[in-house]
C-alpha atoms as a PDB file:
ATOM      1  CA  VAL A   1      -0.008   0.042  -0.037  1.00  0.00           C
ATOM      2  CA  VAL A   2       1.413   3.301  -1.137  1.00  0.00           C
ATOM      3  CA  GLY A   3       0.025   6.355   0.875  1.00  0.00           C
ATOM      4  CA  GLY A   4      -0.401   7.293   4.518  1.00  0.00           C
ATOM      5  CA  ASP A   5      -2.055   5.478   7.299  1.00  0.00           C
ATOM      6  CA  GLY A   6      -5.379   6.402   5.927  1.00  0.00           C
ATOM      7  CA  SER A   7      -4.711   4.501   2.754  1.00  0.00           C
ATOM      8  CA  MET A   8      -3.665   1.511   4.801  1.00  0.00           C
ATOM      9  CA  LEU A   9      -6.904   1.836   6.878  1.00  0.00           C
ATOM     10  CA  LYS A  10      -9.150   1.914   3.822  1.00  0.00           C
ATOM     11  CA  ALA A  11      -7.421  -1.151   2.348  1.00  0.00           C
ATOM     12  CA  ALA A  12      -7.219  -3.184   5.563  1.00  0.00           C
ATOM     13  CA  ALA A  13     -10.482  -4.966   5.602  1.00  0.00           C
ATOM     14  CA  THR A  14     -10.304  -6.046   1.969  1.00  0.00           C
ATOM     15  CA  LEU A  15      -6.695  -7.338   2.347  1.00  0.00           C
ATOM     16  CA  ALA A  16      -7.485  -9.061   5.430  1.00  0.00           C
ATOM     17  CA  ASP A  17     -10.464 -10.951   3.905  1.00  0.00           C
ATOM     18  CA  GLN A  18      -8.083 -11.997   1.062  1.00  0.00           C
ATOM     19  CA  GLY A  19      -5.324 -13.091   3.421  1.00  0.00           C
ATOM     20  CA  LEU A  20      -2.781 -10.965   1.478  1.00  0.00           C
ATOM     21  CA  PRO A  21       0.384  -9.842   3.267  1.00  0.00           C
ATOM     22  CA  VAL A  22       0.895  -6.272   2.834  1.00  0.00           C
ATOM     23  CA  VAL A  23       3.743  -3.769   3.025  1.00  0.00           C
ATOM     24  CA  GLY A  24       3.228  -0.087   3.677  1.00  0.00           C
ATOM     25  CA  ILE A  25       5.164   2.620   1.839  1.00  0.00           C
ATOM     26  CA  ASN A  26       4.688   5.962   3.492  1.00  0.00           C
ATOM     27  CA  ARG A  27       3.699   8.994   1.348  1.00  0.00           C
ATOM     28  CA  GLY A  28       1.518  10.535   4.113  1.00  0.00           C
ATOM     29  CA  ARG A  29       2.191  12.416   7.338  1.00  0.00           C
ATOM     30  CA  LEU A  30       2.623  10.016  10.286  1.00  0.00           C
ATOM     31  CA  GLY A  31       3.372   6.576   8.859  1.00  0.00           C
ATOM     32  CA  PHE A  32       2.555   4.284  11.841  1.00  0.00           C
ATOM     33  CA  LEU A  33       1.498   1.523   9.486  1.00  0.00           C
ATOM     34  CA  THR A  34       3.229   2.673   6.417  1.00  0.00           C
ATOM     35  CA  ASP A  35       6.738   2.518   7.699  1.00  0.00           C
ATOM     36  CA  ILE A  36       8.996   2.339   4.643  1.00  0.00           C
ATOM     37  CA  ILE A  37      10.089   5.834   3.516  1.00  0.00           C
ATOM     38  CA  PRO A  38      10.260   6.553  -0.252  1.00  0.00           C
ATOM     39  CA  GLU A  39      14.184   6.787  -0.157  1.00  0.00           C
ATOM     40  CA  GLU A  40      14.457   3.236   1.113  1.00  0.00           C
ATOM     41  CA  ILE A  41      11.865   1.542  -1.221  1.00  0.00           C
ATOM     42  CA  GLU A  42      14.212  -0.418  -3.394  1.00  0.00           C
ATOM     43  CA  THR A  43      16.487  -1.653  -0.541  1.00  0.00           C
ATOM     44  CA  SER A  44      13.659  -2.582   1.749  1.00  0.00           C
ATOM     45  CA  LEU A  45      11.483  -4.222  -0.806  1.00  0.00           C
ATOM     46  CA  ASP A  46      14.469  -6.330  -2.056  1.00  0.00           C
ATOM     47  CA  LEU A  47      15.084  -7.467   1.466  1.00  0.00           C
ATOM     48  CA  ILE A  48      11.366  -8.277   2.135  1.00  0.00           C
ATOM     49  CA  LEU A  49      11.094 -10.197  -1.223  1.00  0.00           C
ATOM     50  CA  ASP A  50      14.170 -12.167  -0.168  1.00  0.00           C
ATOM     51  CA  GLY A  51      12.399 -13.285   3.017  1.00  0.00           C
ATOM     52  CA  HIS A  52      14.036 -10.734   5.380  1.00  0.00           C
ATOM     53  CA  TYR A  53      11.018  -9.169   7.206  1.00  0.00           C
ATOM     54  CA  LEU A  54       9.061  -9.152  10.363  1.00  0.00           C
ATOM     55  CA  LEU A  55       5.337 -10.343  10.147  1.00  0.00           C
ATOM     56  CA  GLU A  56       2.678  -8.904  12.363  1.00  0.00           C
ATOM     57  CA  ASN A  57      -0.923  -9.993  12.548  1.00  0.00           C
ATOM     58  CA  ARG A  58      -3.100  -7.034  13.334  1.00  0.00           C
ATOM     59  CA  PHE A  59      -6.768  -7.760  14.165  1.00  0.00           C
ATOM     60  CA  LEU A  60      -9.733  -5.646  13.036  1.00  0.00           C
ATOM     61  CA  LEU A  61     -13.199  -5.091  14.406  1.00  0.00           C
ATOM     62  CA  ASP A  62     -16.624  -5.720  12.815  1.00  0.00           C
ATOM     63  CA  VAL A  63     -19.667  -3.629  13.762  1.00  0.00           C
ATOM     64  CA  SER A  64     -23.069  -5.236  13.087  1.00  0.00           C
ATOM     65  CA  PHE A  65     -26.706  -4.436  13.464  1.00  0.00           C
ATOM     66  CA  PRO A  66     -28.775  -7.571  14.535  1.00  0.00           C
ATOM     67  CA  ALA A  67     -31.763  -7.114  12.380  1.00  0.00           C
ATOM     68  CA  ALA A  68     -34.944  -9.093  12.769  1.00  0.00           C
ATOM     69  CA  SER A  69     -34.054 -11.933  10.314  1.00  0.00           C
ATOM     70  CA  ASP A  70     -30.328 -11.593  10.086  1.00  0.00           C
ATOM     71  CA  THR A  71     -27.287  -9.694  11.193  1.00  0.00           C
ATOM     72  CA  ALA A  72     -26.228  -6.866   8.990  1.00  0.00           C
ATOM     73  CA  LEU A  73     -22.441  -6.009   8.833  1.00  0.00           C
ATOM     74  CA  LEU A  74     -22.105  -2.243   8.899  1.00  0.00           C
ATOM     75  CA  GLY A  75     -18.346  -2.062   8.574  1.00  0.00           C
ATOM     76  CA  SER A  76     -14.999  -3.036   9.595  1.00  0.00           C
ATOM     77  CA  ALA A  77     -12.231  -1.091  11.336  1.00  0.00           C
ATOM     78  CA  MET A  78      -8.575  -1.500  11.933  1.00  0.00           C
ATOM     79  CA  ASN A  79      -8.254   1.452  14.288  1.00  0.00           C
ATOM     80  CA  ASP A  80     -11.509   2.059  16.039  1.00  0.00           C
ATOM     81  CA  VAL A  81     -15.215   1.897  15.985  1.00  0.00           C
ATOM     82  CA  VAL A  82     -16.731   5.177  17.293  1.00  0.00           C
ATOM     83  CA  LEU A  83     -20.206   6.100  18.524  1.00  0.00           C
ATOM     84  CA  HIS A  84     -20.579   9.844  18.267  1.00  0.00           C
ATOM     85  CA  PRO A  85     -23.308  12.587  17.982  1.00  0.00           C
ATOM     86  CA  GLY A  86     -22.978  13.097  14.257  1.00  0.00           C
ATOM     87  CA  ILE A  87     -23.383  16.503  12.804  1.00  0.00           C
ATOM     88  CA  ALA A  88     -24.424  18.432  16.034  1.00  0.00           C
ATOM     89  CA  ALA A  89     -22.221  18.738  18.979  1.00  0.00           C
ATOM     90  CA  GLN A  90     -24.422  17.412  21.772  1.00  0.00           C
ATOM     91  CA  MET A  91     -24.550  14.687  24.426  1.00  0.00           C
ATOM     92  CA  ILE A  92     -25.890  11.286  23.536  1.00  0.00           C
ATOM     93  CA  GLU A  93     -27.154   8.391  25.760  1.00  0.00           C
ATOM     94  CA  PHE A  94     -26.312   4.806  25.458  1.00  0.00           C
ATOM     95  CA  GLU A  95     -26.065   1.575  27.429  1.00  0.00           C
ATOM     96  CA  LEU A  96     -22.867  -0.376  27.365  1.00  0.00           C
ATOM     97  CA  TYR A  97     -22.780  -4.209  27.701  1.00  0.00           C
ATOM     98  CA  ILE A  98     -19.767  -6.453  27.660  1.00  0.00           C
ATOM     99  CA  ASP A  99     -20.077 -10.182  26.857  1.00  0.00           C
ATOM    100  CA  GLY A 100     -23.873  -9.597  27.682  1.00  0.00           C
ATOM    101  CA  ARG A 101     -23.320  -8.131  31.080  1.00  0.00           C
ATOM    102  CA  PHE A 102     -24.512  -4.621  31.793  1.00  0.00           C
ATOM    103  CA  VAL A 103     -21.677  -2.094  32.346  1.00  0.00           C
ATOM    104  CA  TYR A 104     -23.234   1.279  32.621  1.00  0.00           C
ATOM    105  CA  ASN A 105     -25.598   3.847  31.057  1.00  0.00           C
ATOM    106  CA  GLN A 106     -23.770   6.834  30.085  1.00  0.00           C
ATOM    107  CA  ALA A 107     -24.538  10.401  28.857  1.00  0.00           C
ATOM    108  CA  SER A 108     -21.485  11.708  26.821  1.00  0.00           C
ATOM    109  CA  ASP A 109     -20.293  12.759  23.524  1.00  0.00           C
ATOM    110  CA  GLY A 110     -19.827   9.006  22.588  1.00  0.00           C
ATOM    111  CA  LEU A 111     -17.420   5.991  22.932  1.00  0.00           C
ATOM    112  CA  ILE A 112     -14.411   4.862  21.090  1.00  0.00           C
ATOM    113  CA  VAL A 113     -13.772   1.184  20.801  1.00  0.00           C
ATOM    114  CA  ALA A 114     -10.144   0.901  19.798  1.00  0.00           C
ATOM    115  CA  THR A 115      -7.746  -1.982  18.885  1.00  0.00           C
ATOM    116  CA  PRO A 116      -4.113  -1.836  19.870  1.00  0.00           C
ATOM    117  CA  THR A 117      -3.364  -0.568  16.408  1.00  0.00           C
ATOM    118  CA  GLY A 118      -5.822   2.302  17.092  1.00  0.00           C
ATOM    119  CA  SER A 119      -4.627   3.013  20.550  1.00  0.00           C
ATOM    120  CA  THR A 120      -1.993   5.604  19.161  1.00  0.00           C
ATOM    121  CA  ALA A 121      -4.891   7.382  17.043  1.00  0.00           C
ATOM    122  CA  TYR A 122      -8.141   9.072  18.132  1.00  0.00           C
ATOM    123  CA  SER A 123      -8.260   6.843  21.305  1.00  0.00           C
ATOM    124  CA  MET A 124      -4.954   8.333  22.529  1.00  0.00           C
ATOM    125  CA  SER A 125      -6.125  11.906  21.981  1.00  0.00           C
ATOM    126  CA  ALA A 126      -9.305  11.146  24.107  1.00  0.00           C
ATOM    127  CA  GLY A 127      -7.078   9.994  27.014  1.00  0.00           C
ATOM    128  CA  GLY A 128      -6.871   6.242  26.284  1.00  0.00           C
ATOM    129  CA  PRO A 129      -3.766   4.170  26.917  1.00  0.00           C
ATOM    130  CA  ILE A 130      -1.177   3.095  24.290  1.00  0.00           C
ATOM    131  CA  MET A 131      -1.307  -0.717  23.852  1.00  0.00           C
ATOM    132  CA  HIS A 132       1.453  -2.654  22.209  1.00  0.00           C
ATOM    133  CA  PRO A 133       0.107  -4.282  18.979  1.00  0.00           C
ATOM    134  CA  ASP A 134       0.940  -7.771  20.304  1.00  0.00           C
ATOM    135  CA  LEU A 135      -1.756  -7.432  22.956  1.00  0.00           C
ATOM    136  CA  ASP A 136      -5.058  -9.299  22.522  1.00  0.00           C
ATOM    137  CA  ALA A 137      -7.129  -6.521  23.966  1.00  0.00           C
ATOM    138  CA  LEU A 138      -9.578  -3.706  23.230  1.00  0.00           C
ATOM    139  CA  VAL A 139      -9.836  -0.294  25.000  1.00  0.00           C
ATOM    140  CA  LEU A 140     -13.316   1.515  25.437  1.00  0.00           C
ATOM    141  CA  VAL A 141     -12.667   5.208  25.874  1.00  0.00           C
ATOM    142  CA  PRO A 142     -15.657   7.470  26.829  1.00  0.00           C
ATOM    143  CA  MET A 143     -15.747  10.888  25.217  1.00  0.00           C
ATOM    144  CA  TYR A 144     -16.383  13.736  27.530  1.00  0.00           C
ATOM    145  CA  PRO A 145     -18.627  11.709  29.929  1.00  0.00           C
ATOM    146  CA  HIS A 146     -20.990  13.578  32.246  1.00  0.00           C
ATOM    147  CA  THR A 147     -19.401  12.078  35.312  1.00  0.00           C
ATOM    148  CA  LEU A 148     -16.139  12.420  37.158  1.00  0.00           C
ATOM    149  CA  SER A 149     -15.724   8.663  37.612  1.00  0.00           C
ATOM    150  CA  SER A 150     -15.883   7.245  33.932  1.00  0.00           C
ATOM    151  CA  ARG A 151     -12.379   6.076  32.725  1.00  0.00           C
ATOM    152  CA  PRO A 152     -11.181   3.871  29.768  1.00  0.00           C
ATOM    153  CA  ILE A 153     -11.654   0.243  30.140  1.00  0.00           C
ATOM    154  CA  VAL A 154      -9.360  -2.430  28.809  1.00  0.00           C
ATOM    155  CA  VAL A 155     -10.974  -5.819  27.885  1.00  0.00           C
ATOM    156  CA  ASP A 156     -10.073  -9.004  26.068  1.00  0.00           C
ATOM    157  CA  SER A 157     -10.056  -8.645  22.394  1.00  0.00           C
ATOM    158  CA  ASP A 158     -12.650 -11.656  22.061  1.00  0.00           C
ATOM    159  CA  SER A 159     -15.125  -9.664  24.170  1.00  0.00           C
ATOM    160  CA  GLU A 160     -18.344  -8.754  22.478  1.00  0.00           C
ATOM    161  CA  ILE A 161     -19.202  -5.137  22.959  1.00  0.00           C
ATOM    162  CA  THR A 162     -22.990  -4.138  22.845  1.00  0.00           C
ATOM    163  CA  LEU A 163     -24.252  -0.709  22.610  1.00  0.00           C
ATOM    164  CA  VAL A 164     -27.967   0.098  23.004  1.00  0.00           C
ATOM    165  CA  ILE A 165     -28.865   3.636  21.775  1.00  0.00           C
ATOM    166  CA  GLY A 166     -30.955   5.698  24.028  1.00  0.00           C
ATOM    167  CA  ASP A 167     -33.564   8.217  23.573  1.00  0.00           C
ATOM    168  CA  ARG A 168     -31.961  11.684  24.378  1.00  0.00           C
ATOM    169  CA  HIS A 169     -33.326  14.958  22.856  1.00  0.00           C
ATOM    170  CA  ASN A 170     -34.142  13.184  19.604  1.00  0.00           C
ATOM    171  CA  THR A 171     -30.518  12.692  18.738  1.00  0.00           C
ATOM    172  CA  SER A 172     -29.448  10.276  15.993  1.00  0.00           C
ATOM    173  CA  PRO A 173     -25.944   9.163  16.970  1.00  0.00           C
ATOM    174  CA  GLN A 174     -23.699   7.837  14.193  1.00  0.00           C
ATOM    175  CA  ILE A 175     -21.323   4.850  14.077  1.00  0.00           C
ATOM    176  CA  SER A 176     -17.931   5.380  12.298  1.00  0.00           C
ATOM    177  CA  CYS A 177     -15.267   2.819  11.329  1.00  0.00           C
ATOM    178  CA  ASP A 178     -11.834   4.336  11.032  1.00  0.00           C
ATOM    179  CA  GLY A 179     -13.352   7.809  10.488  1.00  0.00           C
ATOM    180  CA  SER A 180     -15.943   6.883   7.955  1.00  0.00           C
ATOM    181  CA  VAL A 181     -19.647   6.971   8.920  1.00  0.00           C
ATOM    182  CA  VAL A 182     -21.323   3.585   8.290  1.00  0.00           C
ATOM    183  CA  TYR A 183     -24.576   3.997  10.160  1.00  0.00           C
ATOM    184  CA  THR A 184     -27.022   6.573  11.642  1.00  0.00           C
ATOM    185  CA  SER A 185     -28.843   5.071  14.532  1.00  0.00           C
ATOM    186  CA  ASN A 186     -32.330   5.341  16.057  1.00  0.00           C
ATOM    187  CA  PRO A 187     -33.416   5.167  19.534  1.00  0.00           C
ATOM    188  CA  GLY A 188     -33.378   1.547  20.739  1.00  0.00           C
ATOM    189  CA  ASP A 189     -30.945   0.246  18.105  1.00  0.00           C
ATOM    190  CA  VAL A 190     -28.643  -2.584  19.261  1.00  0.00           C
ATOM    191  CA  LEU A 191     -25.213  -2.448  17.761  1.00  0.00           C
ATOM    192  CA  THR A 192     -22.553  -5.183  18.271  1.00  0.00           C
ATOM    193  CA  ILE A 193     -18.762  -4.778  18.003  1.00  0.00           C
ATOM    194  CA  LYS A 194     -16.646  -7.921  17.724  1.00  0.00           C
ATOM    195  CA  ARG A 195     -13.150  -8.946  16.653  1.00  0.00           C
ATOM    196  CA  LYS A 196     -13.022  -9.920  12.974  1.00  0.00           C
ATOM    197  CA  SER A 197     -12.222 -13.523  12.185  1.00  0.00           C
ATOM    198  CA  GLN A 198      -9.601 -12.387   9.517  1.00  0.00           C
ATOM    199  CA  GLU A 199      -6.526 -10.603  10.460  1.00  0.00           C
ATOM    200  CA  LEU A 200      -4.286  -8.212   8.422  1.00  0.00           C
ATOM    201  CA  LYS A 201      -0.738  -9.732   7.724  1.00  0.00           C
ATOM    202  CA  LEU A 202       1.522  -6.630   7.970  1.00  0.00           C
ATOM    203  CA  LEU A 203       5.120  -6.947   6.897  1.00  0.00           C
ATOM    204  CA  HIS A 204       7.933  -4.736   8.298  1.00  0.00           C
ATOM    205  CA  PRO A 205      11.618  -4.441   7.513  1.00  0.00           C
ATOM    206  CA  GLU A 206      13.715  -6.584   9.943  1.00  0.00           C
ATOM    207  CA  ASP A 207      14.931  -3.607  11.949  1.00  0.00           C
ATOM    208  CA  TYR A 208      11.412  -2.482  12.727  1.00  0.00           C
ATOM    209  CA  ASP A 209      11.126  -1.268  16.214  1.00  0.00           C
ATOM    210  CA  TYR A 210       7.597  -0.326  17.674  1.00  0.00           C
ATOM    211  CA  TYR A 211       9.032   1.825  20.388  1.00  0.00           C
ATOM    212  CA  ALA A 212      11.294   3.565  17.894  1.00  0.00           C
ATOM    213  CA  THR A 213       8.229   4.391  15.803  1.00  0.00           C
ATOM    214  CA  CYS A 214       6.468   5.767  18.939  1.00  0.00           C
ATOM    215  CA  ARG A 215       9.513   8.085  19.611  1.00  0.00           C
ATOM    216  CA  SER A 216       9.589   9.279  16.062  1.00  0.00           C
ATOM    217  CA  LYS A 217       5.827   9.797  15.444  1.00  0.00           C
ATOM    218  CA  LEU A 218       4.741  10.910  18.939  1.00  0.00           C
ATOM    219  CA  GLY A 219       7.657  13.102  19.913  1.00  0.00           C
ATOM    220  CA  TRP A 220       8.919  10.967  22.807  1.00  0.00           C
ATOM    221  CA  SER A 221      12.251  12.055  24.200  1.00  0.00           C
ATOM    222  CA  HIS A 222      15.388  10.508  22.925  1.00  0.00           C
ATOM    223  CA  ARG A 223      18.403   9.494  25.104  1.00  0.00           C
ATOM    224  CA  PRO A 224      21.115  12.127  24.746  1.00  0.00           C
ATOM    225  CA  GLY A 225      23.263  11.398  21.790  1.00  0.00           C
ATOM    226  CA  ARG A 226      21.084   8.619  20.518  1.00  0.00           C
ATOM    227  CA  GLY A 227      18.143   8.103  18.211  1.00  0.00           C
END
């Protein structure tokens, strides 16, 4: 995939479904997922084609709407599934269930359900933790909750997340997958977020270092005299 992280996110579900390994060549801004710079394309690709690479399996999320007769898949996300107010900046209300167990009813600007891959994106900006991509975990990050005690929750990646849309001031909250709106909800809608069965096979150069990437992309401090 040639482009920025957005290009990788748009292609991720299709590539995962096909089981194709993918290499990211960065032509964007950050390059968390597209980590080969243009100046090193020839050298890096030659090494990868010769079998010198690191393979990572990154999991995705599916969000679905259980209809009366079937379950309709609304979309897939590599970074995050986000429940948000939509066009108007206003509070929404929803119930959260994890593996069928009631967690809370919340009034807030929404909820971010992020993978480890997405933990350095929107989730991080909203106060969520950074999770190493090898972790089999999800983080649920509330957005501006109307309470002082609501904090991010980290759960197993196989957990089933259920959101029940409440009826608050005639709002119509939206669901986005990696920044693209896939559904506008109605009061009482039940939405399910689960780990996708197929994973994205992501190839890196052999010298790939996740923490070095974080230092470079997130502005972490370097040790004096070192990169």
